[in-house]
Amino acid sequence: MGMAERSPTAGKIRDAEQACAELRTALKGAGITLPSLAVDVVSLAEHFPRPLVELGRCTPEVARRLADAVRKCAP
């Protein structure tokens, strides 16, 4: 394992990638696909990166299905 792979920045990026994968899997289980779901590369360009998960664009139908899924889980 190289030094860059052990850096705090690399850990943050791996964490964002894992969160993205977890969300993709959860959405797939609900029958929802966000085609642009990915780690936002622009958020990695700063001196102290703060990785963000880009949810991307979707059709109105997918947005409504996502809203329904969230409503079902909300208290």
C-alpha atoms as a PDB file:
ATOM      1  CA  MET A   1       0.000   0.000   0.000  1.00  0.00           C
ATOM      2  CA  GLY A   2       1.517   3.315  -1.085  1.00  0.00           C
ATOM      3  CA  MET A   3       1.664   6.412   1.078  1.00  0.00           C
ATOM      4  CA  ALA A   4      -1.074   8.133  -0.939  1.00  0.00           C
ATOM      5  CA  GLU A   5      -3.430   5.194  -0.300  1.00  0.00           C
ATOM      6  CA  ARG A   6      -3.038   5.654   3.476  1.00  0.00           C
ATOM      7  CA  SER A   7      -3.589   9.413   3.483  1.00  0.00           C
ATOM      8  CA  PRO A   8      -6.626  10.969   5.163  1.00  0.00           C
ATOM      9  CA  THR A   9      -7.683  12.272   1.764  1.00  0.00           C
ATOM     10  CA  ALA A  10      -7.650   8.776   0.257  1.00  0.00           C
ATOM     11  CA  GLY A  11      -9.768   7.574   3.177  1.00  0.00           C
ATOM     12  CA  LYS A  12     -12.302  10.340   2.610  1.00  0.00           C
ATOM     13  CA  ILE A  13     -12.514   9.466  -1.070  1.00  0.00           C
ATOM     14  CA  ARG A  14     -12.966   5.755  -0.305  1.00  0.00           C
ATOM     15  CA  ASP A  15     -15.670   6.664   2.219  1.00  0.00           C
ATOM     16  CA  ALA A  16     -17.527   8.737  -0.391  1.00  0.00           C
ATOM     17  CA  GLU A  17     -17.216   5.904  -2.927  1.00  0.00           C
ATOM     18  CA  GLN A  18     -18.572   3.428  -0.377  1.00  0.00           C
ATOM     19  CA  ALA A  19     -21.474   5.723   0.536  1.00  0.00           C
ATOM     20  CA  CYS A  20     -22.253   6.113  -3.161  1.00  0.00           C
ATOM     21  CA  ALA A  21     -22.242   2.337  -3.640  1.00  0.00           C
ATOM     22  CA  GLU A  22     -24.462   1.827  -0.579  1.00  0.00           C
ATOM     23  CA  LEU A  23     -26.964   4.376  -1.882  1.00  0.00           C
ATOM     24  CA  ARG A  24     -26.935   2.815  -5.359  1.00  0.00           C
ATOM     25  CA  THR A  25     -27.653  -0.607  -3.835  1.00  0.00           C
ATOM     26  CA  ALA A  26     -30.436   0.724  -1.597  1.00  0.00           C
ATOM     27  CA  LEU A  27     -32.061   2.573  -4.485  1.00  0.00           C
ATOM     28  CA  LYS A  28     -31.797  -0.510  -6.695  1.00  0.00           C
ATOM     29  CA  GLY A  29     -33.632  -2.473  -3.995  1.00  0.00           C
ATOM     30  CA  ALA A  30     -36.440   0.088  -4.253  1.00  0.00           C
ATOM     31  CA  GLY A  31     -36.440  -0.171  -8.054  1.00  0.00           C
ATOM     32  CA  ILE A  32     -34.860   3.270  -8.491  1.00  0.00           C
ATOM     33  CA  THR A  33     -31.843   4.097 -10.658  1.00  0.00           C
ATOM     34  CA  LEU A  34     -30.048   7.442 -10.625  1.00  0.00           C
ATOM     35  CA  PRO A  35     -27.862   7.201 -13.746  1.00  0.00           C
ATOM     36  CA  SER A  36     -25.548  10.054 -12.737  1.00  0.00           C
ATOM     37  CA  LEU A  37     -24.942   8.857  -9.163  1.00  0.00           C
ATOM     38  CA  ALA A  38     -21.185   9.204  -8.525  1.00  0.00           C
ATOM     39  CA  VAL A  39     -18.541  10.862  -6.395  1.00  0.00           C
ATOM     40  CA  ASP A  40     -18.328  14.523  -7.450  1.00  0.00           C
ATOM     41  CA  VAL A  41     -14.815  14.949  -8.871  1.00  0.00           C
ATOM     42  CA  VAL A  42     -14.946  18.752  -8.512  1.00  0.00           C
ATOM     43  CA  SER A  43     -15.226  18.358  -4.742  1.00  0.00           C
ATOM     44  CA  LEU A  44     -11.910  16.481  -4.816  1.00  0.00           C
ATOM     45  CA  ALA A  45     -10.027  19.351  -6.459  1.00  0.00           C
ATOM     46  CA  GLU A  46      -9.596  21.494  -3.352  1.00  0.00           C
ATOM     47  CA  HIS A  47      -6.402  21.603  -1.280  1.00  0.00           C
ATOM     48  CA  PHE A  48      -8.320  19.867   1.543  1.00  0.00           C
ATOM     49  CA  PRO A  49     -10.848  17.763  -0.377  1.00  0.00           C
ATOM     50  CA  ARG A  50     -14.329  17.292   1.044  1.00  0.00           C
ATOM     51  CA  PRO A  51     -15.766  14.574  -1.205  1.00  0.00           C
ATOM     52  CA  LEU A  52     -19.423  14.910  -2.100  1.00  0.00           C
ATOM     53  CA  VAL A  53     -21.779  12.358  -3.613  1.00  0.00           C
ATOM     54  CA  GLU A  54     -23.391  13.733  -6.759  1.00  0.00           C
ATOM     55  CA  LEU A  55     -26.942  12.458  -7.066  1.00  0.00           C
ATOM     56  CA  GLY A  56     -27.212  13.734 -10.605  1.00  0.00           C
ATOM     57  CA  ARG A  57     -30.211  14.182 -12.817  1.00  0.00           C
ATOM     58  CA  CYS A  58     -33.234  11.961 -13.252  1.00  0.00           C
ATOM     59  CA  THR A  59     -36.609  11.948 -14.907  1.00  0.00           C
ATOM     60  CA  PRO A  60     -39.651  13.366 -13.114  1.00  0.00           C
ATOM     61  CA  GLU A  61     -40.959   9.789 -12.753  1.00  0.00           C
ATOM     62  CA  VAL A  62     -37.787   8.710 -10.927  1.00  0.00           C
ATOM     63  CA  ALA A  63     -37.925  11.836  -8.735  1.00  0.00           C
ATOM     64  CA  ARG A  64     -41.485  10.974  -7.713  1.00  0.00           C
ATOM     65  CA  ARG A  65     -40.564   7.344  -6.990  1.00  0.00           C
ATOM     66  CA  LEU A  66     -37.657   8.535  -4.866  1.00  0.00           C
ATOM     67  CA  ALA A  67     -39.929  10.961  -3.016  1.00  0.00           C
ATOM     68  CA  ASP A  68     -42.424   8.142  -2.367  1.00  0.00           C
ATOM     69  CA  ALA A  69     -39.665   5.881  -1.035  1.00  0.00           C
ATOM     70  CA  VAL A  70     -38.428   8.612   1.318  1.00  0.00           C
ATOM     71  CA  ARG A  71     -41.959   9.376   2.524  1.00  0.00           C
ATOM     72  CA  LYS A  72     -42.522   5.699   3.353  1.00  0.00           C
ATOM     73  CA  CYS A  73     -39.439   5.709   5.589  1.00  0.00           C
ATOM     74  CA  ALA A  74     -40.040   9.074   7.247  1.00  0.00           C
ATOM     75  CA  PRO A  75     -41.536   9.090  10.750  1.00  0.00           C
END
